Amino acid sequence: MKWYAGGQERGHQAITMIKALLSDLKQDDQMAPLQSVLRSYQAEFEAQTTAVPLILSRMNIAIANVIQKEGLHLSASQQAKLKEMTALSTIRYGY
């Protein structure tokens, strides 16, 4: 994704990444809390009622909290998908 991509483009990309991560997590019942967080943010992206950068920021914090609180261990591929998804919130403002 381009660093100058708009919020709507980032939102669509986030939905795609969330769906991919959810399908990867589907086989593991221990990941239910993380799946719940991802589903709630997927619904928020689809509703488009809040600015996408704000949703991304809150989602990153919620994901980190649930992983730490529940002591979840992600596979290497899941970690890569999560890292790619959190990178969506990186917006560079240059002059």
PDB file of N, CA and C in Angstrom:
ATOM      1  N   MET A   1       0.844  -1.172   0.000  1.00  0.00           N
ATOM      2  CA  MET A   1       0.000   0.000   0.000  1.00  0.00           C
ATOM      3  C   MET A   1       0.890   1.237   0.000  1.00  0.00           C
ATOM      4  N   LYS A   2       0.494   2.206  -0.769  1.00  0.00           N
ATOM      5  CA  LYS A   2       1.235   3.465  -0.845  1.00  0.00           C
ATOM      6  C   LYS A   2       1.090   4.231   0.467  1.00  0.00           C
ATOM      7  N   TRP A   3       2.138   4.955   0.835  1.00  0.00           N
ATOM      8  CA  TRP A   3       2.120   5.694   2.086  1.00  0.00           C
ATOM      9  C   TRP A   3       1.076   6.800   2.065  1.00  0.00           C
ATOM     10  N   TYR A   4       0.704   7.246   0.876  1.00  0.00           N
ATOM     11  CA  TYR A   4      -0.252   8.337   0.764  1.00  0.00           C
ATOM     12  C   TYR A   4      -1.686   7.842   0.518  1.00  0.00           C
ATOM     13  N   ALA A   5      -1.908   6.549   0.661  1.00  0.00           N
ATOM     14  CA  ALA A   5      -3.243   5.982   0.433  1.00  0.00           C
ATOM     15  C   ALA A   5      -4.255   6.610   1.390  1.00  0.00           C
ATOM     16  N   GLY A   6      -5.455   6.787   0.885  1.00  0.00           N
ATOM     17  CA  GLY A   6      -6.511   7.399   1.683  1.00  0.00           C
ATOM     18  C   GLY A   6      -7.132   6.427   2.667  1.00  0.00           C
ATOM     19  N   GLY A   7      -7.976   6.968   3.517  1.00  0.00           N
ATOM     20  CA  GLY A   7      -8.609   6.168   4.549  1.00  0.00           C
ATOM     21  C   GLY A   7      -9.499   5.067   4.013  1.00  0.00           C
ATOM     22  N   GLN A   8     -10.238   5.375   2.952  1.00  0.00           N
ATOM     23  CA  GLN A   8     -11.153   4.377   2.403  1.00  0.00           C
ATOM     24  C   GLN A   8     -10.377   3.182   1.849  1.00  0.00           C
ATOM     25  N   GLU A   9      -9.273   3.464   1.165  1.00  0.00           N
ATOM     26  CA  GLU A   9      -8.438   2.382   0.629  1.00  0.00           C
ATOM     27  C   GLU A   9      -7.837   1.550   1.765  1.00  0.00           C
ATOM     28  N   ARG A  10      -7.396   2.222   2.816  1.00  0.00           N
ATOM     29  CA  ARG A  10      -6.846   1.512   3.975  1.00  0.00           C
ATOM     30  C   ARG A  10      -7.921   0.660   4.653  1.00  0.00           C
ATOM     31  N   GLY A  11      -9.133   1.164   4.702  1.00  0.00           N
ATOM     32  CA  GLY A  11     -10.235   0.420   5.299  1.00  0.00           C
ATOM     33  C   GLY A  11     -10.545  -0.857   4.534  1.00  0.00           C
ATOM     34  N   HIS A  12     -10.581  -0.759   3.211  1.00  0.00           N
ATOM     35  CA  HIS A  12     -10.837  -1.951   2.388  1.00  0.00           C
ATOM     36  C   HIS A  12      -9.717  -2.975   2.550  1.00  0.00           C
ATOM     37  N   GLN A  13      -8.483  -2.481   2.600  1.00  0.00           N
ATOM     38  CA  GLN A  13      -7.339  -3.375   2.791  1.00  0.00           C
ATOM     39  C   GLN A  13      -7.403  -4.039   4.167  1.00  0.00           C
ATOM     40  N   ALA A  14      -7.801  -3.281   5.179  1.00  0.00           N
ATOM     41  CA  ALA A  14      -7.913  -3.832   6.534  1.00  0.00           C
ATOM     42  C   ALA A  14      -8.961  -4.938   6.588  1.00  0.00           C
ATOM     43  N   ILE A  15     -10.090  -4.738   5.927  1.00  0.00           N
ATOM     44  CA  ILE A  15     -11.142  -5.759   5.907  1.00  0.00           C
ATOM     45  C   ILE A  15     -10.617  -7.039   5.269  1.00  0.00           C
ATOM     46  N   THR A  16      -9.907  -6.901   4.159  1.00  0.00           N
ATOM     47  CA  THR A  16      -9.333  -8.066   3.476  1.00  0.00           C
ATOM     48  C   THR A  16      -8.356  -8.804   4.381  1.00  0.00           C
ATOM     49  N   MET A  17      -7.506  -8.047   5.074  1.00  0.00           N
ATOM     50  CA  MET A  17      -6.512  -8.658   5.959  1.00  0.00           C
ATOM     51  C   MET A  17      -7.171  -9.314   7.171  1.00  0.00           C
ATOM     52  N   ILE A  18      -8.195  -8.692   7.708  1.00  0.00           N
ATOM     53  CA  ILE A  18      -8.907  -9.268   8.850  1.00  0.00           C
ATOM     54  C   ILE A  18      -9.543 -10.593   8.452  1.00  0.00           C
ATOM     55  N   LYS A  19     -10.171 -10.624   7.284  1.00  0.00           N
ATOM     56  CA  LYS A  19     -10.791 -11.866   6.808  1.00  0.00           C
ATOM     57  C   LYS A  19      -9.756 -12.972   6.652  1.00  0.00           C
ATOM     58  N   ALA A  20      -8.582 -12.631   6.110  1.00  0.00           N
ATOM     59  CA  ALA A  20      -7.521 -13.626   5.934  1.00  0.00           C
ATOM     60  C   ALA A  20      -7.027 -14.137   7.286  1.00  0.00           C
ATOM     61  N   LEU A  21      -6.859 -13.230   8.232  1.00  0.00           N
ATOM     62  CA  LEU A  21      -6.391 -13.627   9.559  1.00  0.00           C
ATOM     63  C   LEU A  21      -7.448 -14.453  10.286  1.00  0.00           C
ATOM     64  N   LEU A  22      -8.710 -14.086  10.148  1.00  0.00           N
ATOM     65  CA  LEU A  22      -9.784 -14.859  10.780  1.00  0.00           C
ATOM     66  C   LEU A  22      -9.853 -16.274  10.222  1.00  0.00           C
ATOM     67  N   SER A  23      -9.670 -16.423   8.932  1.00  0.00           N
ATOM     68  CA  SER A  23      -9.706 -17.771   8.354  1.00  0.00           C
ATOM     69  C   SER A  23      -8.518 -18.594   8.833  1.00  0.00           C
ATOM     70  N   ASP A  24      -7.395 -17.928   9.089  1.00  0.00           N
ATOM     71  CA  ASP A  24      -6.215 -18.621   9.611  1.00  0.00           C
ATOM     72  C   ASP A  24      -6.405 -19.014  11.077  1.00  0.00           C
ATOM     73  N   LEU A  25      -7.095 -18.174  11.836  1.00  0.00           N
ATOM     74  CA  LEU A  25      -7.310 -18.426  13.266  1.00  0.00           C
ATOM     75  C   LEU A  25      -8.468 -19.382  13.524  1.00  0.00           C
ATOM     76  N   LYS A  26      -9.271 -19.629  12.524  1.00  0.00           N
ATOM     77  CA  LYS A  26     -10.505 -20.402  12.675  1.00  0.00           C
ATOM     78  C   LYS A  26     -10.282 -21.780  13.286  1.00  0.00           C
ATOM     79  N   GLN A  27      -9.142 -22.395  13.021  1.00  0.00           N
ATOM     80  CA  GLN A  27      -8.902 -23.758  13.493  1.00  0.00           C
ATOM     81  C   GLN A  27      -8.563 -23.838  14.980  1.00  0.00           C
ATOM     82  N   ASP A  28      -8.268 -22.721  15.614  1.00  0.00           N
ATOM     83  CA  ASP A  28      -7.787 -22.735  16.996  1.00  0.00           C
ATOM     84  C   ASP A  28      -8.812 -22.089  17.934  1.00  0.00           C
ATOM     85  N   ASP A  29      -9.385 -22.886  18.842  1.00  0.00           N
ATOM     86  CA  ASP A  29     -10.389 -22.378  19.776  1.00  0.00           C
ATOM     87  C   ASP A  29      -9.804 -21.411  20.805  1.00  0.00           C
ATOM     88  N   GLN A  30      -8.500 -21.515  21.083  1.00  0.00           N
ATOM     89  CA  GLN A  30      -7.870 -20.614  22.049  1.00  0.00           C
ATOM     90  C   GLN A  30      -7.834 -19.177  21.531  1.00  0.00           C
ATOM     91  N   MET A  31      -7.992 -19.016  20.240  1.00  0.00           N
ATOM     92  CA  MET A  31      -7.922 -17.691  19.628  1.00  0.00           C
ATOM     93  C   MET A  31      -9.279 -16.982  19.593  1.00  0.00           C
ATOM     94  N   ALA A  32     -10.279 -17.535  20.266  1.00  0.00           N
ATOM     95  CA  ALA A  32     -11.624 -16.946  20.254  1.00  0.00           C
ATOM     96  C   ALA A  32     -11.642 -15.478  20.693  1.00  0.00           C
ATOM     97  N   PRO A  33     -10.901 -15.081  21.745  1.00  0.00           N
ATOM     98  CA  PRO A  33     -10.917 -13.659  22.120  1.00  0.00           C
ATOM     99  C   PRO A  33     -10.368 -12.751  21.013  1.00  0.00           C
ATOM    100  N   LEU A  34      -9.310 -13.197  20.354  1.00  0.00           N
ATOM    101  CA  LEU A  34      -8.738 -12.410  19.260  1.00  0.00           C
ATOM    102  C   LEU A  34      -9.699 -12.372  18.074  1.00  0.00           C
ATOM    103  N   GLN A  35     -10.341 -13.484  17.798  1.00  0.00           N
ATOM    104  CA  GLN A  35     -11.321 -13.527  16.710  1.00  0.00           C
ATOM    105  C   GLN A  35     -12.464 -12.554  16.983  1.00  0.00           C
ATOM    106  N   SER A  36     -12.888 -12.485  18.224  1.00  0.00           N
ATOM    107  CA  SER A  36     -13.970 -11.578  18.606  1.00  0.00           C
ATOM    108  C   SER A  36     -13.576 -10.120  18.366  1.00  0.00           C
ATOM    109  N   VAL A  37     -12.357  -9.769  18.759  1.00  0.00           N
ATOM    110  CA  VAL A  37     -11.866  -8.402  18.551  1.00  0.00           C
ATOM    111  C   VAL A  37     -11.797  -8.090  17.059  1.00  0.00           C
ATOM    112  N   LEU A  38     -11.257  -9.022  16.287  1.00  0.00           N
ATOM    113  CA  LEU A  38     -11.133  -8.801  14.845  1.00  0.00           C
ATOM    114  C   LEU A  38     -12.500  -8.654  14.181  1.00  0.00           C
ATOM    115  N   ARG A  39     -13.457  -9.468  14.586  1.00  0.00           N
ATOM    116  CA  ARG A  39     -14.808  -9.376  14.006  1.00  0.00           C
ATOM    117  C   ARG A  39     -15.467  -8.030  14.328  1.00  0.00           C
ATOM    118  N   SER A  40     -15.267  -7.557  15.554  1.00  0.00           N
ATOM    119  CA  SER A  40     -15.886  -6.283  15.928  1.00  0.00           C
ATOM    120  C   SER A  40     -15.298  -5.131  15.113  1.00  0.00           C
ATOM    121  N   TYR A  41     -13.988  -5.166  14.882  1.00  0.00           N
ATOM    122  CA  TYR A  41     -13.377  -4.103  14.081  1.00  0.00           C
ATOM    123  C   TYR A  41     -13.696  -4.259  12.600  1.00  0.00           C
ATOM    124  N   GLN A  42     -13.877  -5.476  12.137  1.00  0.00           N
ATOM    125  CA  GLN A  42     -14.304  -5.689  10.754  1.00  0.00           C
ATOM    126  C   GLN A  42     -15.669  -5.034  10.540  1.00  0.00           C
ATOM    127  N   ALA A  43     -16.569  -5.237  11.489  1.00  0.00           N
ATOM    128  CA  ALA A  43     -17.900  -4.626  11.402  1.00  0.00           C
ATOM    129  C   ALA A  43     -17.801  -3.104  11.425  1.00  0.00           C
ATOM    130  N   GLU A  44     -16.886  -2.580  12.225  1.00  0.00           N
ATOM    131  CA  GLU A  44     -16.724  -1.129  12.304  1.00  0.00           C
ATOM    132  C   GLU A  44     -16.180  -0.561  10.991  1.00  0.00           C
ATOM    133  N   PHE A  45     -15.228  -1.263  10.378  1.00  0.00           N
ATOM    134  CA  PHE A  45     -14.720  -0.824   9.074  1.00  0.00           C
ATOM    135  C   PHE A  45     -15.828  -0.857   8.024  1.00  0.00           C
ATOM    136  N   GLU A  46     -16.636  -1.905   8.049  1.00  0.00           N
ATOM    137  CA  GLU A  46     -17.708  -2.048   7.064  1.00  0.00           C
ATOM    138  C   GLU A  46     -18.800  -0.999   7.256  1.00  0.00           C
ATOM    139  N   ALA A  47     -19.051  -0.599   8.502  1.00  0.00           N
ATOM    140  CA  ALA A  47     -20.073   0.409   8.784  1.00  0.00           C
ATOM    141  C   ALA A  47     -19.635   1.805   8.336  1.00  0.00           C
ATOM    142  N   GLN A  48     -18.350   2.070   8.316  1.00  0.00           N
ATOM    143  CA  GLN A  48     -17.778   3.354   7.884  1.00  0.00           C
ATOM    144  C   GLN A  48     -18.382   4.545   8.620  1.00  0.00           C
ATOM    145  N   THR A  49     -18.492   4.425   9.934  1.00  0.00           N
ATOM    146  CA  THR A  49     -19.056   5.521  10.721  1.00  0.00           C
ATOM    147  C   THR A  49     -17.988   6.360  11.413  1.00  0.00           C
ATOM    148  N   THR A  50     -16.757   5.869  11.430  1.00  0.00           N
ATOM    149  CA  THR A  50     -15.655   6.551  12.095  1.00  0.00           C
ATOM    150  C   THR A  50     -14.484   6.636  11.126  1.00  0.00           C
ATOM    151  N   ALA A  51     -13.609   7.605  11.331  1.00  0.00           N
ATOM    152  CA  ALA A  51     -12.435   7.764  10.477  1.00  0.00           C
ATOM    153  C   ALA A  51     -11.554   6.515  10.556  1.00  0.00           C
ATOM    154  N   VAL A  52     -11.113   6.046   9.401  1.00  0.00           N
ATOM    155  CA  VAL A  52     -10.337   4.808   9.320  1.00  0.00           C
ATOM    156  C   VAL A  52      -9.044   4.873  10.140  1.00  0.00           C
ATOM    157  N   PRO A  53      -8.261   5.973  10.084  1.00  0.00           N
ATOM    158  CA  PRO A  53      -7.042   5.996  10.908  1.00  0.00           C
ATOM    159  C   PRO A  53      -7.322   5.826  12.400  1.00  0.00           C
ATOM    160  N   LEU A  54      -8.432   6.364  12.869  1.00  0.00           N
ATOM    161  CA  LEU A  54      -8.798   6.205  14.281  1.00  0.00           C
ATOM    162  C   LEU A  54      -9.156   4.754  14.586  1.00  0.00           C
ATOM    163  N   ILE A  55      -9.913   4.123  13.693  1.00  0.00           N
ATOM    164  CA  ILE A  55     -10.270   2.710  13.882  1.00  0.00           C
ATOM    165  C   ILE A  55      -9.010   1.856  13.895  1.00  0.00           C
ATOM    166  N   LEU A  56      -8.089   2.117  12.966  1.00  0.00           N
ATOM    167  CA  LEU A  56      -6.842   1.346  12.901  1.00  0.00           C
ATOM    168  C   LEU A  56      -6.046   1.482  14.193  1.00  0.00           C
ATOM    169  N   SER A  57      -5.961   2.698  14.698  1.00  0.00           N
ATOM    170  CA  SER A  57      -5.216   2.936  15.931  1.00  0.00           C
ATOM    171  C   SER A  57      -5.834   2.189  17.108  1.00  0.00           C
ATOM    172  N   ARG A  58      -7.147   2.289  17.249  1.00  0.00           N
ATOM    173  CA  ARG A  58      -7.834   1.584  18.338  1.00  0.00           C
ATOM    174  C   ARG A  58      -7.722   0.077  18.178  1.00  0.00           C
ATOM    175  N   MET A  59      -7.814  -0.405  16.933  1.00  0.00           N
ATOM    176  CA  MET A  59      -7.723  -1.837  16.674  1.00  0.00           C
ATOM    177  C   MET A  59      -6.350  -2.377  17.079  1.00  0.00           C
ATOM    178  N   ASN A  60      -5.292  -1.640  16.744  1.00  0.00           N
ATOM    179  CA  ASN A  60      -3.947  -2.084  17.108  1.00  0.00           C
ATOM    180  C   ASN A  60      -3.804  -2.236  18.619  1.00  0.00           C
ATOM    181  N   ILE A  61      -4.339  -1.289  19.357  1.00  0.00           N
ATOM    182  CA  ILE A  61      -4.269  -1.344  20.821  1.00  0.00           C
ATOM    183  C   ILE A  61      -5.096  -2.507  21.352  1.00  0.00           C
ATOM    184  N   ALA A  62      -6.299  -2.694  20.817  1.00  0.00           N
ATOM    185  CA  ALA A  62      -7.172  -3.782  21.270  1.00  0.00           C
ATOM    186  C   ALA A  62      -6.553  -5.146  20.990  1.00  0.00           C
ATOM    187  N   ILE A  63      -5.936  -5.298  19.823  1.00  0.00           N
ATOM    188  CA  ILE A  63      -5.289  -6.567  19.478  1.00  0.00           C
ATOM    189  C   ILE A  63      -4.130  -6.846  20.423  1.00  0.00           C
ATOM    190  N   ALA A  64      -3.300  -5.831  20.663  1.00  0.00           N
ATOM    191  CA  ALA A  64      -2.166  -6.007  21.575  1.00  0.00           C
ATOM    192  C   ALA A  64      -2.649  -6.368  22.978  1.00  0.00           C
ATOM    193  N   ASN A  65      -3.710  -5.710  23.432  1.00  0.00           N
ATOM    194  CA  ASN A  65      -4.243  -5.989  24.770  1.00  0.00           C
ATOM    195  C   ASN A  65      -4.755  -7.413  24.895  1.00  0.00           C
ATOM    196  N   VAL A  66      -5.513  -7.887  23.899  1.00  0.00           N
ATOM    197  CA  VAL A  66      -6.080  -9.232  23.996  1.00  0.00           C
ATOM    198  C   VAL A  66      -4.984 -10.295  23.895  1.00  0.00           C
ATOM    199  N   ILE A  67      -3.975 -10.051  23.084  1.00  0.00           N
ATOM    200  CA  ILE A  67      -2.874 -11.017  22.973  1.00  0.00           C
ATOM    201  C   ILE A  67      -2.127 -11.112  24.301  1.00  0.00           C
ATOM    202  N   GLN A  68      -1.868  -9.952  24.911  1.00  0.00           N
ATOM    203  CA  GLN A  68      -1.147  -9.945  26.182  1.00  0.00           C
ATOM    204  C   GLN A  68      -2.011 -10.503  27.318  1.00  0.00           C
ATOM    205  N   LYS A  69      -3.251 -10.072  27.401  1.00  0.00           N
ATOM    206  CA  LYS A  69      -4.136 -10.494  28.492  1.00  0.00           C
ATOM    207  C   LYS A  69      -4.399 -11.995  28.459  1.00  0.00           C
ATOM    208  N   GLU A  70      -4.636 -12.532  27.265  1.00  0.00           N
ATOM    209  CA  GLU A  70      -4.964 -13.952  27.123  1.00  0.00           C
ATOM    210  C   GLU A  70      -3.729 -14.835  26.976  1.00  0.00           C
ATOM    211  N   GLY A  71      -2.555 -14.234  26.837  1.00  0.00           N
ATOM    212  CA  GLY A  71      -1.326 -15.010  26.670  1.00  0.00           C
ATOM    213  C   GLY A  71      -1.324 -15.834  25.391  1.00  0.00           C
ATOM    214  N   LEU A  72      -1.823 -15.248  24.311  1.00  0.00           N
ATOM    215  CA  LEU A  72      -1.935 -15.965  23.044  1.00  0.00           C
ATOM    216  C   LEU A  72      -0.578 -16.073  22.351  1.00  0.00           C
ATOM    217  N   HIS A  73      -0.367 -17.184  21.684  1.00  0.00           N
ATOM    218  CA  HIS A  73       0.852 -17.405  20.913  1.00  0.00           C
ATOM    219  C   HIS A  73       0.457 -17.613  19.462  1.00  0.00           C
ATOM    220  N   LEU A  74       0.925 -16.706  18.607  1.00  0.00           N
ATOM    221  CA  LEU A  74       0.585 -16.766  17.191  1.00  0.00           C
ATOM    222  C   LEU A  74       1.675 -17.488  16.409  1.00  0.00           C
ATOM    223  N   SER A  75       1.269 -18.140  15.330  1.00  0.00           N
ATOM    224  CA  SER A  75       2.244 -18.783  14.447  1.00  0.00           C
ATOM    225  C   SER A  75       2.990 -17.695  13.667  1.00  0.00           C
ATOM    226  N   ALA A  76       4.047 -18.086  12.993  1.00  0.00           N
ATOM    227  CA  ALA A  76       4.841 -17.123  12.226  1.00  0.00           C
ATOM    228  C   ALA A  76       4.004 -16.470  11.126  1.00  0.00           C
ATOM    229  N   SER A  77       3.160 -17.249  10.463  1.00  0.00           N
ATOM    230  CA  SER A  77       2.329 -16.676   9.392  1.00  0.00           C
ATOM    231  C   SER A  77       1.277 -15.728   9.964  1.00  0.00           C
ATOM    232  N   GLN A  78       0.726 -16.071  11.119  1.00  0.00           N
ATOM    233  CA  GLN A  78      -0.251 -15.194  11.763  1.00  0.00           C
ATOM    234  C   GLN A  78       0.411 -13.895  12.218  1.00  0.00           C
ATOM    235  N   GLN A  79       1.629 -13.999  12.748  1.00  0.00           N
ATOM    236  CA  GLN A  79       2.365 -12.805  13.156  1.00  0.00           C
ATOM    237  C   GLN A  79       2.650 -11.903  11.961  1.00  0.00           C
ATOM    238  N   ALA A  80       3.009 -12.510  10.832  1.00  0.00           N
ATOM    239  CA  ALA A  80       3.296 -11.734   9.626  1.00  0.00           C
ATOM    240  C   ALA A  80       2.044 -11.000   9.144  1.00  0.00           C
ATOM    241  N   LYS A  81       0.900 -11.686   9.164  1.00  0.00           N
ATOM    242  CA  LYS A  81      -0.353 -11.056   8.746  1.00  0.00           C
ATOM    243  C   LYS A  81      -0.724  -9.915   9.685  1.00  0.00           C
ATOM    244  N   LEU A  82      -0.528 -10.135  10.970  1.00  0.00           N
ATOM    245  CA  LEU A  82      -0.846  -9.114  11.957  1.00  0.00           C
ATOM    246  C   LEU A  82       0.071  -7.902  11.802  1.00  0.00           C
ATOM    247  N   LYS A  83       1.345  -8.150  11.559  1.00  0.00           N
ATOM    248  CA  LYS A  83       2.303  -7.060  11.364  1.00  0.00           C
ATOM    249  C   LYS A  83       1.940  -6.245  10.129  1.00  0.00           C
ATOM    250  N   GLU A  84       1.553  -6.930   9.066  1.00  0.00           N
ATOM    251  CA  GLU A  84       1.150  -6.252   7.836  1.00  0.00           C
ATOM    252  C   GLU A  84      -0.104  -5.406   8.074  1.00  0.00           C
ATOM    253  N   MET A  85      -1.012  -5.934   8.869  1.00  0.00           N
ATOM    254  CA  MET A  85      -2.245  -5.212   9.156  1.00  0.00           C
ATOM    255  C   MET A  85      -1.975  -3.979  10.027  1.00  0.00           C
ATOM    256  N   THR A  86      -1.113  -4.104  11.018  1.00  0.00           N
ATOM    257  CA  THR A  86      -0.822  -2.949  11.869  1.00  0.00           C
ATOM    258  C   THR A  86      -0.053  -1.877  11.105  1.00  0.00           C
ATOM    259  N   ALA A  87       0.653  -2.274  10.047  1.00  0.00           N
ATOM    260  CA  ALA A  87       1.384  -1.302   9.235  1.00  0.00           C
ATOM    261  C   ALA A  87       0.440  -0.377   8.472  1.00  0.00           C
ATOM    262  N   LEU A  88      -0.811  -0.763   8.329  1.00  0.00           N
ATOM    263  CA  LEU A  88      -1.785   0.098   7.644  1.00  0.00           C
ATOM    264  C   LEU A  88      -1.976   1.426   8.364  1.00  0.00           C
ATOM    265  N   SER A  89      -1.739   1.446   9.660  1.00  0.00           N
ATOM    266  CA  SER A  89      -1.949   2.680  10.419  1.00  0.00           C
ATOM    267  C   SER A  89      -0.780   3.650  10.284  1.00  0.00           C
ATOM    268  N   THR A  90       0.275   3.233   9.602  1.00  0.00           N
ATOM    269  CA  THR A  90       1.429   4.106   9.400  1.00  0.00           C
ATOM    270  C   THR A  90       1.126   5.078   8.269  1.00  0.00           C
ATOM    271  N   ILE A  91       0.922   6.306   8.633  1.00  0.00           N
ATOM    272  CA  ILE A  91       0.659   7.359   7.657  1.00  0.00           C
ATOM    273  C   ILE A  91       1.785   8.373   7.783  1.00  0.00           C
ATOM    274  N   ARG A  92       2.447   8.617   6.687  1.00  0.00           N
ATOM    275  CA  ARG A  92       3.559   9.573   6.710  1.00  0.00           C
ATOM    276  C   ARG A  92       3.067  10.921   6.212  1.00  0.00           C
ATOM    277  N   TYR A  93       3.384  11.917   6.972  1.00  0.00           N
ATOM    278  CA  TYR A  93       3.046  13.278   6.581  1.00  0.00           C
ATOM    279  C   TYR A  93       4.352  13.978   6.258  1.00  0.00           C
ATOM    280  N   GLY A  94       4.586  14.276   5.007  1.00  0.00           N
ATOM    281  CA  GLY A  94       5.851  14.892   4.614  1.00  0.00           C
ATOM    282  C   GLY A  94       5.651  16.276   4.034  1.00  0.00           C
ATOM    283  N   TYR A  95       6.706  17.004   4.084  1.00  0.00           N
ATOM    284  CA  TYR A  95       6.681  18.363   3.525  1.00  0.00           C
ATOM    285  C   TYR A  95       7.711  18.452   2.441  1.00  0.00           C
TER     286      TYR A  95
END
